[in-house]
Amino acid sequence: MAKQARSLRTHELVLDAAAAEFARHGYPRANLQHVAERTGLTKGALYGHFASKEQLARALTGHLDTVAAEILARYADPEPPARERLRALCCELAGRVESDVRFNAALRLMLDEAPAAPEPPGLLADLRALGQPAAGALADLATVILVGAYCTAPDLERRGLAERVRALWDAAAAEESAQAGNGTAAR
């Protein structure tokens, strides 16, 4: 039993070290030797837990899929309106980026892969779907805000990301209210 518990702790340690490496360098530049050094393992021992860099990346993106599905499920109810749900969802996701190194790394891995994809992968597609059909533009805005805020934050310095996302949503709402008050339509 003690050996299994130690193996599980090491497995988790490897995932955290790999997450830090992927978050900082992205998939192409991530170095498994650095992961091994962070964990105090030899590279051979590291391969005993994960056979490849790709397998480590899949484990992290699987974590993102699981967490994102749980979060998205909380916002699936059509009430309150889509705008409020998308705002709350983006703020929660941004908070998760700040607090969960594995989520942060998986998001980086997903975004590194996104330019080659004809449709937005996983979480981004789910964000869009949440706002469809009536609020498709809002869902696109949510995607742009979350991804833009993430991409403009310095590597591994995601503190304050949730607050910046909230501020962006508040600014967009204030602009829309001002335009509505002036009788001008938002473009």
N, C-alpha and C. Protein backbone atom coordinates (compact mmCIF):
# COMPACT_ATOMS: atom_id res chain seq x y z
N MET A 1 0.81 -1.19 0.00
CA MET A 1 0.00 0.00 0.00
C MET A 1 0.86 1.27 0.00
N ALA A 2 1.91 1.29 0.82
CA ALA A 2 2.78 2.46 0.90
C ALA A 2 3.44 2.74 -0.44
N LYS A 3 3.83 1.67 -1.14
CA LYS A 3 4.47 1.83 -2.45
C LYS A 3 3.49 2.45 -3.45
N GLN A 4 2.23 2.01 -3.42
CA GLN A 4 1.22 2.57 -4.33
C GLN A 4 0.98 4.05 -4.01
N ALA A 5 0.91 4.39 -2.75
CA ALA A 5 0.69 5.78 -2.36
C ALA A 5 1.86 6.65 -2.81
N ARG A 6 3.08 6.15 -2.64
CA ARG A 6 4.27 6.90 -3.06
C ARG A 6 4.27 7.05 -4.58
N SER A 7 3.91 6.00 -5.30
CA SER A 7 3.86 6.06 -6.75
C SER A 7 2.82 7.08 -7.22
N LEU A 8 1.68 7.12 -6.55
CA LEU A 8 0.64 8.09 -6.90
C LEU A 8 1.12 9.51 -6.63
N ARG A 9 1.78 9.73 -5.49
CA ARG A 9 2.32 11.06 -5.19
C ARG A 9 3.34 11.48 -6.24
N THR A 10 4.20 10.55 -6.65
CA THR A 10 5.21 10.85 -7.67
C THR A 10 4.53 11.17 -9.00
N HIS A 11 3.52 10.40 -9.34
CA HIS A 11 2.75 10.63 -10.57
C HIS A 11 2.19 12.06 -10.57
N GLU A 12 1.60 12.46 -9.45
CA GLU A 12 1.02 13.81 -9.33
C GLU A 12 2.12 14.87 -9.40
N LEU A 13 3.26 14.61 -8.78
CA LEU A 13 4.40 15.52 -8.82
C LEU A 13 4.89 15.70 -10.26
N VAL A 14 4.95 14.61 -11.00
CA VAL A 14 5.36 14.67 -12.41
C VAL A 14 4.37 15.51 -13.21
N LEU A 15 3.08 15.31 -12.98
CA LEU A 15 2.08 16.11 -13.70
C LEU A 15 2.23 17.60 -13.40
N ASP A 16 2.46 17.94 -12.13
CA ASP A 16 2.63 19.35 -11.77
C ASP A 16 3.90 19.93 -12.40
N ALA A 17 4.99 19.18 -12.37
CA ALA A 17 6.24 19.65 -12.97
C ALA A 17 6.10 19.80 -14.49
N ALA A 18 5.44 18.85 -15.12
CA ALA A 18 5.21 18.92 -16.56
C ALA A 18 4.30 20.11 -16.89
N ALA A 19 3.31 20.34 -16.06
CA ALA A 19 2.41 21.47 -16.29
C ALA A 19 3.18 22.78 -16.25
N ALA A 20 4.06 22.94 -15.28
CA ALA A 20 4.87 24.15 -15.21
C ALA A 20 5.75 24.30 -16.45
N GLU A 21 6.31 23.21 -16.91
CA GLU A 21 7.18 23.23 -18.10
C GLU A 21 6.37 23.58 -19.36
N PHE A 22 5.22 22.95 -19.54
CA PHE A 22 4.39 23.24 -20.72
C PHE A 22 3.84 24.66 -20.67
N ALA A 23 3.43 25.11 -19.49
CA ALA A 23 2.88 26.47 -19.37
C ALA A 23 3.94 27.51 -19.73
N ARG A 24 5.16 27.26 -19.34
CA ARG A 24 6.23 28.22 -19.59
C ARG A 24 6.72 28.16 -21.04
N HIS A 25 6.88 26.96 -21.58
CA HIS A 25 7.56 26.82 -22.88
C HIS A 25 6.67 26.35 -24.03
N GLY A 26 5.46 25.90 -23.75
CA GLY A 26 4.65 25.31 -24.80
C GLY A 26 5.14 23.92 -25.13
N TYR A 27 4.37 23.22 -25.94
CA TYR A 27 4.72 21.83 -26.25
C TYR A 27 6.06 21.68 -26.98
N PRO A 28 6.28 22.44 -28.06
CA PRO A 28 7.51 22.20 -28.83
C PRO A 28 8.80 22.41 -28.03
N ARG A 29 8.80 23.39 -27.13
CA ARG A 29 10.03 23.72 -26.40
C ARG A 29 10.10 23.09 -25.02
N ALA A 30 9.06 22.39 -24.62
CA ALA A 30 9.09 21.72 -23.31
C ALA A 30 10.16 20.64 -23.32
N ASN A 31 10.86 20.51 -22.20
CA ASN A 31 11.98 19.59 -22.11
C ASN A 31 11.74 18.62 -20.95
N LEU A 32 11.68 17.34 -21.26
CA LEU A 32 11.41 16.35 -20.22
C LEU A 32 12.56 16.23 -19.22
N GLN A 33 13.76 16.60 -19.62
CA GLN A 33 14.87 16.61 -18.66
C GLN A 33 14.59 17.63 -17.56
N HIS A 34 14.02 18.78 -17.93
CA HIS A 34 13.65 19.79 -16.93
C HIS A 34 12.56 19.26 -16.00
N VAL A 35 11.62 18.53 -16.56
CA VAL A 35 10.56 17.92 -15.73
C VAL A 35 11.19 16.94 -14.75
N ALA A 36 12.09 16.11 -15.23
CA ALA A 36 12.76 15.14 -14.35
C ALA A 36 13.53 15.86 -13.25
N GLU A 37 14.23 16.93 -13.60
CA GLU A 37 14.99 17.68 -12.59
C GLU A 37 14.08 18.29 -11.53
N ARG A 38 12.94 18.82 -11.96
CA ARG A 38 12.00 19.41 -10.99
C ARG A 38 11.44 18.39 -10.02
N THR A 39 11.35 17.16 -10.45
CA THR A 39 10.77 16.12 -9.60
C THR A 39 11.82 15.35 -8.82
N GLY A 40 13.08 15.53 -9.19
CA GLY A 40 14.14 14.77 -8.54
C GLY A 40 14.25 13.35 -9.08
N LEU A 41 13.61 13.08 -10.19
CA LEU A 41 13.67 11.75 -10.81
C LEU A 41 14.72 11.74 -11.90
N THR A 42 15.17 10.55 -12.24
CA THR A 42 15.96 10.42 -13.46
C THR A 42 14.99 10.45 -14.63
N LYS A 43 15.51 10.70 -15.80
CA LYS A 43 14.64 10.71 -16.98
C LYS A 43 14.03 9.32 -17.19
N GLY A 44 14.80 8.27 -16.90
CA GLY A 44 14.29 6.90 -17.01
C GLY A 44 13.14 6.65 -16.06
N ALA A 45 13.25 7.14 -14.83
CA ALA A 45 12.16 6.98 -13.85
C ALA A 45 10.93 7.77 -14.29
N LEU A 46 11.17 8.93 -14.88
CA LEU A 46 10.06 9.73 -15.40
C LEU A 46 9.29 8.94 -16.45
N TYR A 47 10.02 8.26 -17.35
CA TYR A 47 9.37 7.46 -18.39
C TYR A 47 8.63 6.26 -17.80
N GLY A 48 8.93 5.90 -16.58
CA GLY A 48 8.15 4.86 -15.91
C GLY A 48 6.74 5.31 -15.59
N HIS A 49 6.56 6.62 -15.48
CA HIS A 49 5.23 7.18 -15.20
C HIS A 49 4.51 7.59 -16.48
N PHE A 50 5.25 8.16 -17.41
CA PHE A 50 4.68 8.60 -18.69
C PHE A 50 5.67 8.22 -19.78
N ALA A 51 5.19 7.53 -20.79
CA ALA A 51 6.06 6.99 -21.84
C ALA A 51 6.61 8.05 -22.78
N SER A 52 5.97 9.22 -22.83
CA SER A 52 6.40 10.24 -23.78
C SER A 52 5.90 11.62 -23.36
N LYS A 53 6.45 12.63 -24.00
CA LYS A 53 6.00 14.00 -23.80
C LYS A 53 4.54 14.12 -24.24
N GLU A 54 4.21 13.45 -25.32
CA GLU A 54 2.83 13.46 -25.83
C GLU A 54 1.86 12.89 -24.80
N GLN A 55 2.25 11.82 -24.14
CA GLN A 55 1.38 11.21 -23.13
C GLN A 55 1.17 12.17 -21.94
N LEU A 56 2.21 12.87 -21.56
CA LEU A 56 2.08 13.88 -20.50
C LEU A 56 1.12 14.99 -20.93
N ALA A 57 1.28 15.46 -22.15
CA ALA A 57 0.41 16.52 -22.67
C ALA A 57 -1.04 16.04 -22.71
N ARG A 58 -1.26 14.80 -23.13
CA ARG A 58 -2.63 14.26 -23.17
C ARG A 58 -3.23 14.18 -21.77
N ALA A 59 -2.43 13.82 -20.79
CA ALA A 59 -2.93 13.76 -19.41
C ALA A 59 -3.36 15.15 -18.94
N LEU A 60 -2.60 16.17 -19.30
CA LEU A 60 -2.95 17.53 -18.90
C LEU A 60 -4.18 18.04 -19.65
N THR A 61 -4.26 17.79 -20.95
CA THR A 61 -5.44 18.24 -21.68
C THR A 61 -6.68 17.47 -21.25
N GLY A 62 -6.50 16.24 -20.82
CA GLY A 62 -7.62 15.49 -20.24
C GLY A 62 -8.12 16.15 -18.97
N HIS A 63 -7.20 16.69 -18.17
CA HIS A 63 -7.58 17.42 -16.96
C HIS A 63 -8.41 18.65 -17.34
N LEU A 64 -7.97 19.38 -18.36
CA LEU A 64 -8.71 20.56 -18.81
C LEU A 64 -10.11 20.16 -19.26
N ASP A 65 -10.21 19.09 -20.03
CA ASP A 65 -11.51 18.64 -20.52
C ASP A 65 -12.44 18.31 -19.36
N THR A 66 -11.92 17.62 -18.35
CA THR A 66 -12.74 17.23 -17.20
C THR A 66 -13.20 18.45 -16.42
N VAL A 67 -12.27 19.34 -16.10
CA VAL A 67 -12.60 20.53 -15.32
C VAL A 67 -13.54 21.44 -16.11
N ALA A 68 -13.25 21.64 -17.39
CA ALA A 68 -14.09 22.51 -18.22
C ALA A 68 -15.50 21.95 -18.33
N ALA A 69 -15.65 20.65 -18.47
CA ALA A 69 -16.99 20.04 -18.55
C ALA A 69 -17.76 20.29 -17.25
N GLU A 70 -17.08 20.16 -16.12
CA GLU A 70 -17.75 20.42 -14.83
C GLU A 70 -18.18 21.88 -14.73
N ILE A 71 -17.30 22.78 -15.15
CA ILE A 71 -17.62 24.21 -15.09
C ILE A 71 -18.74 24.55 -16.07
N LEU A 72 -18.63 24.07 -17.30
CA LEU A 72 -19.66 24.36 -18.31
C LEU A 72 -21.03 23.84 -17.89
N ALA A 73 -21.07 22.70 -17.23
CA ALA A 73 -22.34 22.12 -16.79
C ALA A 73 -23.07 23.07 -15.83
N ARG A 74 -22.32 23.82 -15.05
CA ARG A 74 -22.95 24.77 -14.11
C ARG A 74 -23.62 25.93 -14.83
N TYR A 75 -23.24 26.18 -16.07
CA TYR A 75 -23.78 27.33 -16.81
C TYR A 75 -24.69 26.92 -17.97
N ALA A 76 -25.11 25.68 -18.01
CA ALA A 76 -25.92 25.17 -19.13
C ALA A 76 -27.38 25.61 -19.06
N ASP A 77 -27.88 25.90 -17.88
CA ASP A 77 -29.27 26.32 -17.71
C ASP A 77 -29.50 27.63 -18.47
N PRO A 78 -30.58 27.73 -19.27
CA PRO A 78 -30.80 28.94 -20.06
C PRO A 78 -31.12 30.19 -19.22
N GLU A 79 -31.31 30.03 -17.95
CA GLU A 79 -31.50 31.19 -17.06
C GLU A 79 -30.30 31.25 -16.14
N PRO A 80 -29.72 32.33 -15.89
CA PRO A 80 -29.96 33.68 -16.38
C PRO A 80 -29.59 33.82 -17.86
N PRO A 81 -29.74 35.03 -18.40
CA PRO A 81 -29.44 35.25 -19.82
C PRO A 81 -28.00 34.86 -20.18
N ALA A 82 -27.80 34.58 -21.46
CA ALA A 82 -26.50 34.10 -21.96
C ALA A 82 -25.36 35.03 -21.58
N ARG A 83 -25.57 36.34 -21.68
CA ARG A 83 -24.51 37.29 -21.36
C ARG A 83 -24.02 37.11 -19.92
N GLU A 84 -24.94 36.98 -18.99
CA GLU A 84 -24.56 36.82 -17.58
C GLU A 84 -23.84 35.49 -17.36
N ARG A 85 -24.34 34.43 -18.01
CA ARG A 85 -23.69 33.13 -17.86
C ARG A 85 -22.29 33.14 -18.45
N LEU A 86 -22.14 33.76 -19.63
CA LEU A 86 -20.82 33.81 -20.26
C LEU A 86 -19.84 34.64 -19.44
N ARG A 87 -20.32 35.75 -18.87
CA ARG A 87 -19.44 36.57 -18.02
C ARG A 87 -18.97 35.75 -16.82
N ALA A 88 -19.91 35.12 -16.13
CA ALA A 88 -19.56 34.32 -14.95
C ALA A 88 -18.64 33.16 -15.34
N LEU A 89 -18.93 32.53 -16.46
CA LEU A 89 -18.12 31.42 -16.93
C LEU A 89 -16.69 31.87 -17.23
N CYS A 90 -16.54 32.96 -17.96
CA CYS A 90 -15.20 33.46 -18.29
C CYS A 90 -14.42 33.84 -17.03
N CYS A 91 -15.11 34.46 -16.09
CA CYS A 91 -14.44 34.84 -14.84
C CYS A 91 -14.01 33.59 -14.07
N GLU A 92 -14.86 32.58 -14.04
CA GLU A 92 -14.49 31.35 -13.34
C GLU A 92 -13.32 30.65 -14.03
N LEU A 93 -13.35 30.60 -15.35
CA LEU A 93 -12.25 29.97 -16.09
C LEU A 93 -10.94 30.74 -15.88
N ALA A 94 -11.02 32.06 -15.90
CA ALA A 94 -9.82 32.87 -15.66
C ALA A 94 -9.29 32.63 -14.25
N GLY A 95 -10.18 32.52 -13.29
CA GLY A 95 -9.75 32.20 -11.93
C GLY A 95 -9.07 30.85 -11.87
N ARG A 96 -9.58 29.92 -12.65
CA ARG A 96 -8.98 28.58 -12.68
C ARG A 96 -7.57 28.63 -13.28
N VAL A 97 -7.38 29.47 -14.29
CA VAL A 97 -6.05 29.64 -14.89
C VAL A 97 -5.07 30.14 -13.82
N GLU A 98 -5.55 31.04 -12.97
CA GLU A 98 -4.70 31.59 -11.91
C GLU A 98 -4.33 30.54 -10.87
N SER A 99 -5.25 29.64 -10.57
CA SER A 99 -5.08 28.77 -9.41
C SER A 99 -4.68 27.33 -9.73
N ASP A 100 -4.78 26.91 -10.97
CA ASP A 100 -4.57 25.50 -11.32
C ASP A 100 -3.51 25.39 -12.41
N VAL A 101 -2.29 25.04 -12.02
CA VAL A 101 -1.18 24.98 -12.97
C VAL A 101 -1.45 23.97 -14.09
N ARG A 102 -2.16 22.92 -13.78
CA ARG A 102 -2.46 21.92 -14.83
C ARG A 102 -3.46 22.47 -15.84
N PHE A 103 -4.46 23.18 -15.38
CA PHE A 103 -5.44 23.81 -16.26
C PHE A 103 -4.74 24.85 -17.13
N ASN A 104 -3.89 25.66 -16.51
CA ASN A 104 -3.12 26.68 -17.20
C ASN A 104 -2.29 26.06 -18.31
N ALA A 105 -1.57 24.99 -18.00
CA ALA A 105 -0.72 24.33 -19.00
C ALA A 105 -1.55 23.74 -20.13
N ALA A 106 -2.66 23.12 -19.78
CA ALA A 106 -3.51 22.51 -20.81
C ALA A 106 -4.09 23.57 -21.73
N LEU A 107 -4.44 24.72 -21.17
CA LEU A 107 -4.94 25.82 -22.01
C LEU A 107 -3.84 26.28 -22.97
N ARG A 108 -2.63 26.38 -22.48
CA ARG A 108 -1.50 26.75 -23.34
C ARG A 108 -1.31 25.71 -24.45
N LEU A 109 -1.37 24.44 -24.09
CA LEU A 109 -1.23 23.38 -25.09
C LEU A 109 -2.34 23.48 -26.14
N MET A 110 -3.57 23.74 -25.69
CA MET A 110 -4.70 23.85 -26.60
C MET A 110 -4.52 25.05 -27.53
N LEU A 111 -4.09 26.18 -26.99
CA LEU A 111 -3.92 27.38 -27.80
C LEU A 111 -2.75 27.24 -28.77
N ASP A 112 -1.71 26.52 -28.37
CA ASP A 112 -0.59 26.28 -29.28
C ASP A 112 -1.05 25.50 -30.51
N GLU A 113 -2.04 24.66 -30.33
CA GLU A 113 -2.55 23.80 -31.40
C GLU A 113 -3.65 24.49 -32.20
N ALA A 114 -4.31 25.49 -31.65
CA ALA A 114 -5.50 26.10 -32.23
C ALA A 114 -5.32 26.71 -33.62
N PRO A 115 -4.21 27.41 -33.94
CA PRO A 115 -4.13 28.03 -35.26
C PRO A 115 -4.27 27.05 -36.42
N ALA A 116 -3.90 25.81 -36.23
CA ALA A 116 -3.99 24.83 -37.31
C ALA A 116 -5.38 24.22 -37.42
N ALA A 117 -6.22 24.43 -36.42
CA ALA A 117 -7.53 23.80 -36.40
C ALA A 117 -8.55 24.65 -37.15
N PRO A 118 -9.39 24.04 -38.03
CA PRO A 118 -10.39 24.80 -38.76
C PRO A 118 -11.49 25.32 -37.83
N GLU A 119 -11.78 24.61 -36.78
CA GLU A 119 -12.77 25.01 -35.79
C GLU A 119 -12.07 25.12 -34.45
N PRO A 120 -12.59 25.94 -33.54
CA PRO A 120 -11.93 26.05 -32.25
C PRO A 120 -11.99 24.73 -31.49
N PRO A 121 -10.87 24.32 -30.90
CA PRO A 121 -10.84 23.04 -30.19
C PRO A 121 -11.59 23.10 -28.87
N GLY A 122 -12.07 21.94 -28.45
CA GLY A 122 -12.63 21.69 -27.13
C GLY A 122 -13.33 22.83 -26.44
N LEU A 123 -12.65 23.39 -25.46
CA LEU A 123 -13.22 24.40 -24.59
C LEU A 123 -13.71 25.61 -25.37
N LEU A 124 -12.95 26.06 -26.38
CA LEU A 124 -13.37 27.23 -27.13
C LEU A 124 -14.67 26.96 -27.89
N ALA A 125 -14.80 25.79 -28.45
CA ALA A 125 -16.04 25.42 -29.14
C ALA A 125 -17.19 25.35 -28.14
N ASP A 126 -16.93 24.83 -26.95
CA ASP A 126 -17.97 24.76 -25.92
C ASP A 126 -18.41 26.15 -25.48
N LEU A 127 -17.48 27.09 -25.38
CA LEU A 127 -17.84 28.46 -25.04
C LEU A 127 -18.78 29.04 -26.10
N ARG A 128 -18.44 28.81 -27.36
CA ARG A 128 -19.29 29.29 -28.45
C ARG A 128 -20.67 28.66 -28.39
N ALA A 129 -20.71 27.37 -28.18
CA ALA A 129 -21.99 26.65 -28.17
C ALA A 129 -22.88 27.12 -27.03
N LEU A 130 -22.29 27.49 -25.90
CA LEU A 130 -23.07 27.94 -24.76
C LEU A 130 -23.89 29.18 -25.10
N GLY A 131 -23.34 30.05 -25.94
CA GLY A 131 -24.01 31.29 -26.27
C GLY A 131 -24.90 31.22 -27.50
N GLN A 132 -24.96 30.10 -28.18
CA GLN A 132 -25.72 29.99 -29.42
C GLN A 132 -27.18 29.71 -29.14
N PRO A 133 -28.10 30.03 -30.04
CA PRO A 133 -27.88 30.82 -31.24
C PRO A 133 -28.04 32.32 -30.99
N ALA A 134 -28.84 32.69 -30.00
CA ALA A 134 -29.17 34.10 -29.80
C ALA A 134 -27.97 34.96 -29.43
N ALA A 135 -27.01 34.39 -28.77
CA ALA A 135 -25.89 35.20 -28.30
C ALA A 135 -24.56 34.74 -28.88
N GLY A 136 -24.57 34.37 -30.15
CA GLY A 136 -23.34 33.90 -30.79
C GLY A 136 -22.22 34.93 -30.73
N ALA A 137 -22.56 36.19 -30.96
CA ALA A 137 -21.54 37.24 -30.89
C ALA A 137 -20.97 37.35 -29.49
N LEU A 138 -21.83 37.19 -28.48
CA LEU A 138 -21.35 37.22 -27.09
C LEU A 138 -20.40 36.07 -26.80
N ALA A 139 -20.71 34.91 -27.33
CA ALA A 139 -19.84 33.75 -27.12
C ALA A 139 -18.48 33.99 -27.78
N ASP A 140 -18.50 34.59 -28.97
CA ASP A 140 -17.23 34.93 -29.62
C ASP A 140 -16.47 35.96 -28.79
N LEU A 141 -17.20 36.94 -28.24
CA LEU A 141 -16.57 37.93 -27.37
C LEU A 141 -15.96 37.26 -26.15
N ALA A 142 -16.69 36.32 -25.57
CA ALA A 142 -16.17 35.59 -24.40
C ALA A 142 -14.88 34.88 -24.75
N THR A 143 -14.86 34.25 -25.90
CA THR A 143 -13.66 33.53 -26.34
C THR A 143 -12.50 34.50 -26.52
N VAL A 144 -12.76 35.61 -27.19
CA VAL A 144 -11.71 36.59 -27.44
C VAL A 144 -11.19 37.17 -26.13
N ILE A 145 -12.10 37.49 -25.22
CA ILE A 145 -11.69 38.07 -23.93
C ILE A 145 -10.83 37.09 -23.15
N LEU A 146 -11.30 35.86 -23.02
CA LEU A 146 -10.57 34.88 -22.23
C LEU A 146 -9.21 34.57 -22.85
N VAL A 147 -9.20 34.29 -24.14
CA VAL A 147 -7.94 33.94 -24.81
C VAL A 147 -7.02 35.16 -24.86
N GLY A 148 -7.57 36.32 -25.16
CA GLY A 148 -6.75 37.53 -25.21
C GLY A 148 -6.14 37.87 -23.87
N ALA A 149 -6.93 37.79 -22.82
CA ALA A 149 -6.41 38.07 -21.48
C ALA A 149 -5.35 37.06 -21.10
N TYR A 150 -5.57 35.82 -21.46
CA TYR A 150 -4.59 34.77 -21.16
C TYR A 150 -3.29 35.03 -21.91
N CYS A 151 -3.40 35.31 -23.19
CA CYS A 151 -2.21 35.45 -24.03
C CYS A 151 -1.41 36.71 -23.73
N THR A 152 -2.05 37.74 -23.19
CA THR A 152 -1.32 38.97 -22.90
C THR A 152 -0.72 38.99 -21.50
N ALA A 153 -1.06 38.01 -20.68
CA ALA A 153 -0.46 37.92 -19.34
C ALA A 153 0.93 37.29 -19.48
N PRO A 154 1.90 37.80 -18.73
CA PRO A 154 3.24 37.20 -18.80
C PRO A 154 3.21 35.72 -18.42
N ASP A 155 4.12 34.95 -19.01
CA ASP A 155 4.22 33.52 -18.71
C ASP A 155 4.28 33.30 -17.21
N LEU A 156 3.49 32.35 -16.75
CA LEU A 156 3.42 31.93 -15.36
C LEU A 156 3.02 33.05 -14.40
N GLU A 157 2.66 34.21 -14.92
CA GLU A 157 2.20 35.30 -14.06
C GLU A 157 0.75 35.58 -14.41
N ARG A 158 -0.11 34.71 -14.00
CA ARG A 158 -1.52 34.84 -14.34
C ARG A 158 -2.31 35.47 -13.20
N ARG A 159 -1.61 35.93 -12.15
CA ARG A 159 -2.33 36.56 -11.04
C ARG A 159 -3.08 37.77 -11.56
N GLY A 160 -4.29 37.93 -11.14
CA GLY A 160 -5.08 39.07 -11.57
C GLY A 160 -5.82 38.84 -12.88
N LEU A 161 -5.66 37.68 -13.49
CA LEU A 161 -6.32 37.41 -14.77
C LEU A 161 -7.84 37.47 -14.62
N ALA A 162 -8.37 36.86 -13.58
CA ALA A 162 -9.83 36.88 -13.38
C ALA A 162 -10.33 38.32 -13.22
N GLU A 163 -9.58 39.14 -12.51
CA GLU A 163 -9.98 40.54 -12.33
C GLU A 163 -9.93 41.30 -13.65
N ARG A 164 -8.92 41.04 -14.47
CA ARG A 164 -8.84 41.69 -15.79
C ARG A 164 -10.00 41.25 -16.68
N VAL A 165 -10.36 39.99 -16.62
CA VAL A 165 -11.49 39.49 -17.42
C VAL A 165 -12.78 40.16 -16.94
N ARG A 166 -12.97 40.27 -15.62
CA ARG A 166 -14.16 40.96 -15.10
C ARG A 166 -14.20 42.41 -15.59
N ALA A 167 -13.06 43.09 -15.55
CA ALA A 167 -12.99 44.48 -15.99
C ALA A 167 -13.33 44.61 -17.48
N LEU A 168 -12.87 43.68 -18.30
CA LEU A 168 -13.20 43.71 -19.72
C LEU A 168 -14.69 43.53 -19.95
N TRP A 169 -15.30 42.59 -19.23
CA TRP A 169 -16.75 42.39 -19.34
C TRP A 169 -17.50 43.64 -18.88
N ASP A 170 -17.06 44.22 -17.77
CA ASP A 170 -17.73 45.41 -17.25
C ASP A 170 -17.61 46.58 -18.24
N ALA A 171 -16.44 46.73 -18.86
CA ALA A 171 -16.25 47.79 -19.85
C ALA A 171 -17.16 47.57 -21.06
N ALA A 172 -17.26 46.33 -21.51
CA ALA A 172 -18.14 46.03 -22.65
C ALA A 172 -19.59 46.32 -22.30
N ALA A 173 -20.01 45.96 -21.09
CA ALA A 173 -21.39 46.21 -20.66
C ALA A 173 -21.65 47.71 -20.54
N ALA A 174 -20.68 48.46 -20.02
CA ALA A 174 -20.85 49.90 -19.87
C ALA A 174 -20.97 50.57 -21.24
N GLU A 175 -20.15 50.13 -22.19
CA GLU A 175 -20.22 50.68 -23.54
C GLU A 175 -21.58 50.39 -24.18
N GLU A 176 -22.05 49.16 -24.00
CA GLU A 176 -23.34 48.79 -24.57
C GLU A 176 -24.46 49.61 -23.92
N SER A 177 -24.39 49.81 -22.62
CA SER A 177 -25.40 50.62 -21.92
C SER A 177 -25.37 52.06 -22.41
N ALA A 178 -24.17 52.60 -22.60
CA ALA A 178 -24.04 53.96 -23.08
C ALA A 178 -24.62 54.10 -24.48
N GLN A 179 -24.35 53.12 -25.34
CA GLN A 179 -24.90 53.16 -26.69
C GLN A 179 -26.41 53.02 -26.67
N ALA A 180 -26.91 52.16 -25.81
CA ALA A 180 -28.37 51.99 -25.70
C ALA A 180 -29.02 53.27 -25.21
N GLY A 181 -28.36 53.96 -24.29
CA GLY A 181 -28.87 55.22 -23.76
C GLY A 181 -28.87 56.32 -24.79
N ASN A 182 -27.93 56.27 -25.73
CA ASN A 182 -27.84 57.27 -26.80
C ASN A 182 -28.68 56.89 -28.01
N GLY A 183 -29.26 55.69 -27.96
CA GLY A 183 -30.06 55.23 -29.08
C GLY A 183 -29.24 54.72 -30.25
N THR A 184 -27.95 54.46 -30.03
CA THR A 184 -27.12 53.92 -31.11
C THR A 184 -26.98 52.43 -30.92
N ALA A 185 -26.97 51.72 -32.00
CA ALA A 185 -26.85 50.26 -31.94
C ALA A 185 -25.38 49.87 -31.86
N ALA A 186 -25.12 48.86 -31.06
CA ALA A 186 -23.76 48.32 -30.97
C ALA A 186 -23.44 47.57 -32.25
N ARG A 187 -22.23 47.72 -32.72
CA ARG A 187 -21.83 47.01 -33.94
C ARG A 187 -21.18 45.74 -33.61
